[in-house]
Amino acid sequence: MSDREGHSGGPPPTDDDLSLPKATVAKMISDLLPNDVVCAKETRDLVIECCVEFIHLISSEANEICEQESKKTIAPEHIITALKRLGFDSFTTEVEDVLKDHKQQQKEREKKVSKFEQSGLTEEELLAKQEELFAASRAKFQTTQQ
């Protein structure tokens, strides 16, 4: 699998193009630090660079694992194997837990979609029913306010 695969035409992104949202990283850092400690912008930028490098390292190793297995898509199992190969065994338990949570959330989303499909009602009928419920709720609220 080449570095260019998965990109839509044009040149592949350079290292300067790869980054993480500064505001998000700043929020994560401030949430982890005590209230009386601040983080300099240069420090935040260094943390971002380290994170990007870590992601690059893990994804490159996972890509190699993928190629060895003659696969074209990096799967979660490839990431976990890459973490182990690179000596980050202590991360795998938490990554596996997050993966389980993600799969559970996906199942719940599918159930919500199928509930809509199983209702047998059109979108317009469901909206009308929702409006009826809102109206009934408003009326009940207004009677309790008097």
N, C-alpha and C. Protein backbone atom coordinates (compact mmCIF):
# COMPACT_ATOMS: atom_id res chain seq x y z
N MET A 1 0.86 -1.17 0.00
CA MET A 1 0.00 0.00 0.00
C MET A 1 0.90 1.23 0.00
N SER A 2 0.67 2.13 -0.91
CA SER A 2 1.54 3.29 -1.02
C SER A 2 1.05 4.41 -0.11
N ASP A 3 1.93 5.38 0.12
CA ASP A 3 1.56 6.53 0.94
C ASP A 3 0.50 7.38 0.25
N ARG A 4 0.41 7.26 -1.06
CA ARG A 4 -0.54 8.10 -1.80
C ARG A 4 -1.94 7.51 -1.85
N GLU A 5 -2.07 6.24 -1.55
CA GLU A 5 -3.36 5.59 -1.64
C GLU A 5 -4.35 6.23 -0.69
N GLY A 6 -5.58 6.39 -1.14
CA GLY A 6 -6.61 6.97 -0.30
C GLY A 6 -6.75 8.48 -0.46
N HIS A 7 -5.81 9.12 -1.15
CA HIS A 7 -5.89 10.56 -1.40
C HIS A 7 -6.50 10.76 -2.77
N SER A 8 -7.32 11.76 -2.91
CA SER A 8 -7.98 12.02 -4.18
C SER A 8 -7.10 12.92 -5.05
N GLY A 9 -6.35 12.32 -5.95
CA GLY A 9 -5.53 13.08 -6.88
C GLY A 9 -4.57 14.02 -6.19
N GLY A 10 -3.86 14.79 -6.95
CA GLY A 10 -2.97 15.80 -6.40
C GLY A 10 -1.81 15.18 -5.64
N PRO A 11 -0.90 16.02 -5.23
CA PRO A 11 0.26 15.52 -4.50
C PRO A 11 -0.14 15.08 -3.09
N PRO A 12 0.61 14.13 -2.51
CA PRO A 12 0.30 13.71 -1.15
C PRO A 12 0.59 14.85 -0.18
N PRO A 13 -0.09 14.86 0.96
CA PRO A 13 0.15 15.94 1.93
C PRO A 13 1.57 15.87 2.47
N THR A 14 2.16 17.02 2.69
CA THR A 14 3.49 17.08 3.29
C THR A 14 3.35 17.08 4.80
N ASP A 15 4.47 16.94 5.51
CA ASP A 15 4.42 16.96 6.97
C ASP A 15 3.88 18.28 7.50
N ASP A 16 4.10 19.38 6.73
CA ASP A 16 3.58 20.68 7.15
C ASP A 16 2.06 20.73 7.08
N ASP A 17 1.46 19.90 6.19
CA ASP A 17 0.02 19.87 6.03
C ASP A 17 -0.67 19.07 7.14
N LEU A 18 0.09 18.19 7.80
CA LEU A 18 -0.48 17.31 8.81
C LEU A 18 -0.39 17.96 10.18
N SER A 19 -1.53 18.07 10.85
CA SER A 19 -1.54 18.66 12.18
C SER A 19 -2.81 18.23 12.90
N LEU A 20 -2.96 18.72 14.10
CA LEU A 20 -4.16 18.51 14.89
C LEU A 20 -4.75 19.87 15.23
N PRO A 21 -6.03 19.95 15.48
CA PRO A 21 -6.64 21.25 15.82
C PRO A 21 -6.03 21.84 17.09
N LYS A 22 -5.46 23.01 16.96
CA LYS A 22 -4.76 23.64 18.08
C LYS A 22 -5.69 23.90 19.26
N ALA A 23 -6.90 24.36 18.99
CA ALA A 23 -7.83 24.66 20.07
C ALA A 23 -8.21 23.39 20.84
N THR A 24 -8.39 22.30 20.13
CA THR A 24 -8.76 21.04 20.78
C THR A 24 -7.62 20.55 21.67
N VAL A 25 -6.40 20.60 21.14
CA VAL A 25 -5.24 20.17 21.92
C VAL A 25 -5.05 21.08 23.13
N ALA A 26 -5.21 22.38 22.95
CA ALA A 26 -5.08 23.32 24.06
C ALA A 26 -6.10 23.01 25.15
N LYS A 27 -7.33 22.70 24.76
CA LYS A 27 -8.38 22.36 25.73
C LYS A 27 -8.02 21.08 26.48
N MET A 28 -7.53 20.07 25.75
CA MET A 28 -7.14 18.82 26.39
C MET A 28 -6.02 19.05 27.40
N ILE A 29 -5.05 19.86 27.01
CA ILE A 29 -3.93 20.15 27.90
C ILE A 29 -4.42 20.89 29.15
N SER A 30 -5.24 21.92 28.95
CA SER A 30 -5.71 22.70 30.10
C SER A 30 -6.60 21.87 31.02
N ASP A 31 -7.34 20.91 30.46
CA ASP A 31 -8.17 20.03 31.29
C ASP A 31 -7.31 19.11 32.17
N LEU A 32 -6.12 18.77 31.67
CA LEU A 32 -5.25 17.87 32.41
C LEU A 32 -4.36 18.57 33.44
N LEU A 33 -4.12 19.84 33.23
CA LEU A 33 -3.24 20.59 34.13
C LEU A 33 -4.01 21.17 35.31
N PRO A 34 -3.33 21.37 36.44
CA PRO A 34 -3.98 22.06 37.56
C PRO A 34 -4.37 23.48 37.13
N ASN A 35 -5.35 24.06 37.79
CA ASN A 35 -5.86 25.39 37.42
C ASN A 35 -4.80 26.48 37.46
N ASP A 36 -3.81 26.34 38.33
CA ASP A 36 -2.81 27.39 38.47
C ASP A 36 -1.62 27.22 37.52
N VAL A 37 -1.69 26.26 36.61
CA VAL A 37 -0.60 26.02 35.66
C VAL A 37 -1.11 26.31 34.25
N VAL A 38 -0.32 27.06 33.48
CA VAL A 38 -0.68 27.34 32.09
C VAL A 38 0.36 26.70 31.17
N CYS A 39 -0.02 26.55 29.93
CA CYS A 39 0.84 25.92 28.94
C CYS A 39 1.19 26.95 27.87
N ALA A 40 2.47 27.14 27.60
CA ALA A 40 2.90 28.10 26.58
C ALA A 40 2.52 27.59 25.20
N LYS A 41 2.31 28.52 24.27
CA LYS A 41 1.95 28.15 22.90
C LYS A 41 3.00 27.25 22.27
N GLU A 42 4.27 27.53 22.56
CA GLU A 42 5.35 26.71 22.00
C GLU A 42 5.26 25.28 22.52
N THR A 43 4.87 25.15 23.77
CA THR A 43 4.72 23.81 24.36
C THR A 43 3.56 23.08 23.70
N ARG A 44 2.45 23.80 23.52
CA ARG A 44 1.29 23.20 22.85
C ARG A 44 1.68 22.74 21.45
N ASP A 45 2.41 23.58 20.72
CA ASP A 45 2.83 23.22 19.37
C ASP A 45 3.75 22.01 19.38
N LEU A 46 4.61 21.90 20.38
CA LEU A 46 5.50 20.75 20.51
C LEU A 46 4.69 19.48 20.78
N VAL A 47 3.68 19.59 21.65
CA VAL A 47 2.81 18.45 21.93
C VAL A 47 2.12 18.00 20.65
N ILE A 48 1.64 18.96 19.86
CA ILE A 48 0.98 18.63 18.59
C ILE A 48 1.95 17.91 17.66
N GLU A 49 3.17 18.42 17.55
CA GLU A 49 4.17 17.77 16.69
C GLU A 49 4.46 16.35 17.15
N CYS A 50 4.56 16.16 18.46
CA CYS A 50 4.80 14.82 19.00
C CYS A 50 3.63 13.88 18.70
N CYS A 51 2.42 14.38 18.85
CA CYS A 51 1.23 13.58 18.55
C CYS A 51 1.18 13.18 17.08
N VAL A 52 1.46 14.12 16.20
CA VAL A 52 1.45 13.84 14.77
C VAL A 52 2.52 12.80 14.44
N GLU A 53 3.69 12.93 15.03
CA GLU A 53 4.77 11.96 14.80
C GLU A 53 4.37 10.58 15.31
N PHE A 54 3.73 10.53 16.48
CA PHE A 54 3.27 9.26 17.04
C PHE A 54 2.25 8.60 16.11
N ILE A 55 1.30 9.38 15.64
CA ILE A 55 0.28 8.86 14.72
C ILE A 55 0.95 8.34 13.44
N HIS A 56 1.91 9.09 12.94
CA HIS A 56 2.63 8.68 11.73
C HIS A 56 3.37 7.36 11.97
N LEU A 57 4.03 7.24 13.10
CA LEU A 57 4.78 6.03 13.44
C LEU A 57 3.85 4.82 13.50
N ILE A 58 2.74 4.96 14.23
CA ILE A 58 1.79 3.85 14.38
C ILE A 58 1.15 3.49 13.05
N SER A 59 0.74 4.49 12.28
CA SER A 59 0.08 4.20 11.00
C SER A 59 1.05 3.58 9.99
N SER A 60 2.31 3.99 10.02
CA SER A 60 3.31 3.39 9.12
C SER A 60 3.53 1.92 9.47
N GLU A 61 3.64 1.64 10.75
CA GLU A 61 3.82 0.25 11.18
C GLU A 61 2.58 -0.58 10.85
N ALA A 62 1.40 -0.02 11.08
CA ALA A 62 0.15 -0.72 10.75
C ALA A 62 0.05 -0.96 9.24
N ASN A 63 0.53 -0.01 8.46
CA ASN A 63 0.54 -0.17 7.01
C ASN A 63 1.43 -1.33 6.60
N GLU A 64 2.60 -1.45 7.22
CA GLU A 64 3.49 -2.57 6.92
C GLU A 64 2.84 -3.90 7.27
N ILE A 65 2.18 -3.95 8.41
CA ILE A 65 1.47 -5.17 8.82
C ILE A 65 0.40 -5.51 7.80
N CYS A 66 -0.30 -4.49 7.36
CA CYS A 66 -1.35 -4.65 6.35
C CYS A 66 -0.77 -5.26 5.07
N GLU A 67 0.35 -4.70 4.61
CA GLU A 67 0.98 -5.20 3.39
C GLU A 67 1.44 -6.64 3.56
N GLN A 68 1.97 -6.98 4.74
CA GLN A 68 2.42 -8.35 4.99
C GLN A 68 1.26 -9.33 4.92
N GLU A 69 0.07 -8.88 5.29
CA GLU A 69 -1.12 -9.73 5.25
C GLU A 69 -1.86 -9.61 3.93
N SER A 70 -1.29 -8.88 2.98
CA SER A 70 -1.90 -8.65 1.66
C SER A 70 -3.29 -8.02 1.79
N LYS A 71 -3.43 -7.12 2.74
CA LYS A 71 -4.69 -6.40 2.92
C LYS A 71 -4.52 -4.99 2.36
N LYS A 72 -5.65 -4.38 2.01
CA LYS A 72 -5.60 -3.03 1.46
C LYS A 72 -6.19 -1.99 2.40
N THR A 73 -6.76 -2.45 3.51
CA THR A 73 -7.36 -1.53 4.47
C THR A 73 -6.78 -1.80 5.85
N ILE A 74 -6.34 -0.75 6.51
CA ILE A 74 -5.83 -0.89 7.87
C ILE A 74 -7.02 -1.07 8.80
N ALA A 75 -7.00 -2.19 9.52
CA ALA A 75 -8.08 -2.51 10.46
C ALA A 75 -7.62 -2.19 11.88
N PRO A 76 -8.55 -2.09 12.82
CA PRO A 76 -8.17 -1.83 14.21
C PRO A 76 -7.15 -2.84 14.75
N GLU A 77 -7.27 -4.08 14.32
CA GLU A 77 -6.33 -5.11 14.77
C GLU A 77 -4.91 -4.81 14.32
N HIS A 78 -4.77 -4.18 13.15
CA HIS A 78 -3.45 -3.80 12.66
C HIS A 78 -2.83 -2.72 13.56
N ILE A 79 -3.65 -1.80 14.02
CA ILE A 79 -3.18 -0.74 14.92
C ILE A 79 -2.72 -1.35 16.24
N ILE A 80 -3.51 -2.27 16.77
CA ILE A 80 -3.15 -2.91 18.04
C ILE A 80 -1.85 -3.69 17.90
N THR A 81 -1.70 -4.42 16.80
CA THR A 81 -0.46 -5.17 16.56
C THR A 81 0.72 -4.20 16.41
N ALA A 82 0.52 -3.09 15.73
CA ALA A 82 1.58 -2.09 15.55
C ALA A 82 2.00 -1.53 16.92
N LEU A 83 1.03 -1.23 17.78
CA LEU A 83 1.36 -0.73 19.12
C LEU A 83 2.24 -1.74 19.86
N LYS A 84 1.89 -3.01 19.78
CA LYS A 84 2.67 -4.05 20.46
C LYS A 84 4.07 -4.15 19.87
N ARG A 85 4.18 -4.14 18.55
CA ARG A 85 5.49 -4.26 17.89
C ARG A 85 6.41 -3.10 18.25
N LEU A 86 5.82 -1.93 18.44
CA LEU A 86 6.63 -0.74 18.71
C LEU A 86 6.88 -0.52 20.21
N GLY A 87 6.43 -1.47 21.03
CA GLY A 87 6.70 -1.39 22.46
C GLY A 87 5.68 -0.61 23.26
N PHE A 88 4.52 -0.37 22.70
CA PHE A 88 3.47 0.37 23.41
C PHE A 88 2.39 -0.59 23.92
N ASP A 89 2.81 -1.73 24.45
CA ASP A 89 1.88 -2.74 24.94
C ASP A 89 0.91 -2.18 25.99
N SER A 90 1.40 -1.23 26.78
CA SER A 90 0.55 -0.68 27.84
C SER A 90 -0.64 0.10 27.29
N PHE A 91 -0.59 0.48 26.02
CA PHE A 91 -1.70 1.23 25.41
C PHE A 91 -2.82 0.30 24.91
N THR A 92 -2.49 -0.96 24.65
CA THR A 92 -3.43 -1.83 23.93
C THR A 92 -4.73 -2.08 24.68
N THR A 93 -4.66 -2.22 26.00
CA THR A 93 -5.89 -2.48 26.76
C THR A 93 -6.88 -1.34 26.59
N GLU A 94 -6.41 -0.12 26.73
CA GLU A 94 -7.31 1.03 26.58
C GLU A 94 -7.82 1.16 25.14
N VAL A 95 -6.95 0.90 24.17
CA VAL A 95 -7.37 0.96 22.77
C VAL A 95 -8.45 -0.09 22.51
N GLU A 96 -8.27 -1.29 23.04
CA GLU A 96 -9.27 -2.34 22.86
C GLU A 96 -10.59 -1.96 23.52
N ASP A 97 -10.53 -1.32 24.69
CA ASP A 97 -11.75 -0.87 25.37
C ASP A 97 -12.48 0.18 24.55
N VAL A 98 -11.73 1.13 24.00
CA VAL A 98 -12.33 2.17 23.16
C VAL A 98 -12.95 1.54 21.92
N LEU A 99 -12.28 0.56 21.34
CA LEU A 99 -12.81 -0.13 20.16
C LEU A 99 -14.13 -0.82 20.49
N LYS A 100 -14.20 -1.50 21.64
CA LYS A 100 -15.45 -2.15 22.05
C LYS A 100 -16.57 -1.13 22.21
N ASP A 101 -16.26 0.00 22.87
CA ASP A 101 -17.26 1.06 23.04
C ASP A 101 -17.74 1.57 21.69
N HIS A 102 -16.80 1.77 20.76
CA HIS A 102 -17.16 2.27 19.43
C HIS A 102 -18.08 1.29 18.71
N LYS A 103 -17.75 0.01 18.78
CA LYS A 103 -18.59 -1.01 18.12
C LYS A 103 -19.98 -1.04 18.74
N GLN A 104 -20.06 -0.88 20.06
CA GLN A 104 -21.36 -0.86 20.73
C GLN A 104 -22.18 0.35 20.29
N GLN A 105 -21.53 1.51 20.18
CA GLN A 105 -22.23 2.71 19.71
C GLN A 105 -22.72 2.53 18.28
N GLN A 106 -21.94 1.87 17.45
CA GLN A 106 -22.36 1.62 16.07
C GLN A 106 -23.61 0.73 16.05
N LYS A 107 -23.64 -0.29 16.90
CA LYS A 107 -24.81 -1.18 16.97
C LYS A 107 -26.05 -0.40 17.39
N GLU A 108 -25.88 0.49 18.38
CA GLU A 108 -27.01 1.29 18.86
C GLU A 108 -27.52 2.23 17.78
N ARG A 109 -26.62 2.79 16.99
CA ARG A 109 -27.04 3.66 15.89
C ARG A 109 -27.84 2.86 14.87
N GLU A 110 -27.38 1.64 14.58
CA GLU A 110 -28.09 0.80 13.62
C GLU A 110 -29.48 0.47 14.14
N LYS A 111 -29.61 0.23 15.45
CA LYS A 111 -30.92 -0.06 16.03
C LYS A 111 -31.84 1.14 15.87
N LYS A 112 -31.33 2.35 16.08
CA LYS A 112 -32.16 3.54 15.94
C LYS A 112 -32.65 3.68 14.51
N VAL A 113 -31.78 3.42 13.55
CA VAL A 113 -32.17 3.51 12.15
C VAL A 113 -33.22 2.47 11.85
N SER A 114 -33.04 1.24 12.35
CA SER A 114 -34.00 0.19 12.04
C SER A 114 -35.34 0.45 12.73
N LYS A 115 -35.35 1.12 13.90
CA LYS A 115 -36.62 1.47 14.53
C LYS A 115 -37.43 2.38 13.62
N PHE A 116 -36.75 3.34 13.01
CA PHE A 116 -37.42 4.24 12.07
C PHE A 116 -37.97 3.45 10.90
N GLU A 117 -37.16 2.56 10.35
CA GLU A 117 -37.59 1.77 9.20
C GLU A 117 -38.72 0.82 9.57
N GLN A 118 -38.67 0.26 10.78
CA GLN A 118 -39.67 -0.71 11.21
C GLN A 118 -41.00 -0.06 11.57
N SER A 119 -41.00 1.25 11.76
CA SER A 119 -42.24 1.91 12.16
C SER A 119 -43.31 1.81 11.09
N GLY A 120 -42.90 1.68 9.83
CA GLY A 120 -43.86 1.58 8.74
C GLY A 120 -44.49 2.91 8.39
N LEU A 121 -44.06 3.99 9.01
CA LEU A 121 -44.60 5.31 8.75
C LEU A 121 -43.65 6.10 7.85
N THR A 122 -44.23 6.99 7.06
CA THR A 122 -43.38 7.86 6.24
C THR A 122 -42.80 8.94 7.14
N GLU A 123 -41.84 9.66 6.62
CA GLU A 123 -41.23 10.74 7.39
C GLU A 123 -42.26 11.81 7.74
N GLU A 124 -43.16 12.09 6.78
CA GLU A 124 -44.20 13.10 7.03
C GLU A 124 -45.14 12.66 8.15
N GLU A 125 -45.49 11.37 8.16
CA GLU A 125 -46.37 10.86 9.21
C GLU A 125 -45.69 10.92 10.58
N LEU A 126 -44.41 10.59 10.58
CA LEU A 126 -43.67 10.67 11.84
C LEU A 126 -43.57 12.10 12.34
N LEU A 127 -43.34 13.05 11.45
CA LEU A 127 -43.28 14.46 11.84
C LEU A 127 -44.63 14.93 12.38
N ALA A 128 -45.71 14.52 11.74
CA ALA A 128 -47.04 14.89 12.21
C ALA A 128 -47.29 14.32 13.61
N LYS A 129 -46.89 13.08 13.81
CA LYS A 129 -47.05 12.44 15.12
C LYS A 129 -46.22 13.19 16.18
N GLN A 130 -45.02 13.59 15.80
CA GLN A 130 -44.15 14.34 16.71
C GLN A 130 -44.81 15.67 17.09
N GLU A 131 -45.37 16.36 16.10
CA GLU A 131 -46.06 17.63 16.38
C GLU A 131 -47.23 17.42 17.32
N GLU A 132 -47.97 16.33 17.15
CA GLU A 132 -49.09 16.02 18.05
C GLU A 132 -48.59 15.84 19.48
N LEU A 133 -47.48 15.10 19.62
CA LEU A 133 -46.91 14.88 20.95
C LEU A 133 -46.44 16.19 21.58
N PHE A 134 -45.81 17.05 20.77
CA PHE A 134 -45.38 18.35 21.28
C PHE A 134 -46.59 19.18 21.72
N ALA A 135 -47.65 19.18 20.92
CA ALA A 135 -48.84 19.95 21.26
C ALA A 135 -49.46 19.44 22.55
N ALA A 136 -49.53 18.12 22.71
CA ALA A 136 -50.10 17.54 23.93
C ALA A 136 -49.23 17.90 25.13
N SER A 137 -47.93 17.86 24.95
CA SER A 137 -47.02 18.20 26.04
C SER A 137 -47.15 19.67 26.43
N ARG A 138 -47.26 20.56 25.41
CA ARG A 138 -47.45 22.00 25.68
C ARG A 138 -48.73 22.24 26.45
N ALA A 139 -49.80 21.58 26.03
CA ALA A 139 -51.09 21.76 26.69
C ALA A 139 -51.02 21.29 28.14
N LYS A 140 -50.38 20.16 28.36
CA LYS A 140 -50.25 19.63 29.72
C LYS A 140 -49.41 20.57 30.58
N PHE A 141 -48.36 21.12 30.02
CA PHE A 141 -47.50 22.06 30.74
C PHE A 141 -48.26 23.32 31.12
N GLN A 142 -49.04 23.83 30.16
CA GLN A 142 -49.78 25.07 30.39
C GLN A 142 -50.84 24.89 31.46
N THR A 143 -51.47 23.70 31.52
CA THR A 143 -52.48 23.48 32.56
C THR A 143 -51.84 23.40 33.94
N THR A 144 -50.60 22.91 34.02
CA THR A 144 -49.93 22.84 35.32
C THR A 144 -49.42 24.21 35.76
N GLN A 145 -49.25 25.14 34.82
CA GLN A 145 -48.77 26.49 35.15
C GLN A 145 -49.88 27.38 35.67
N GLN A 146 -51.12 27.00 35.46
CA GLN A 146 -52.25 27.84 35.88
C GLN A 146 -52.68 27.57 37.28
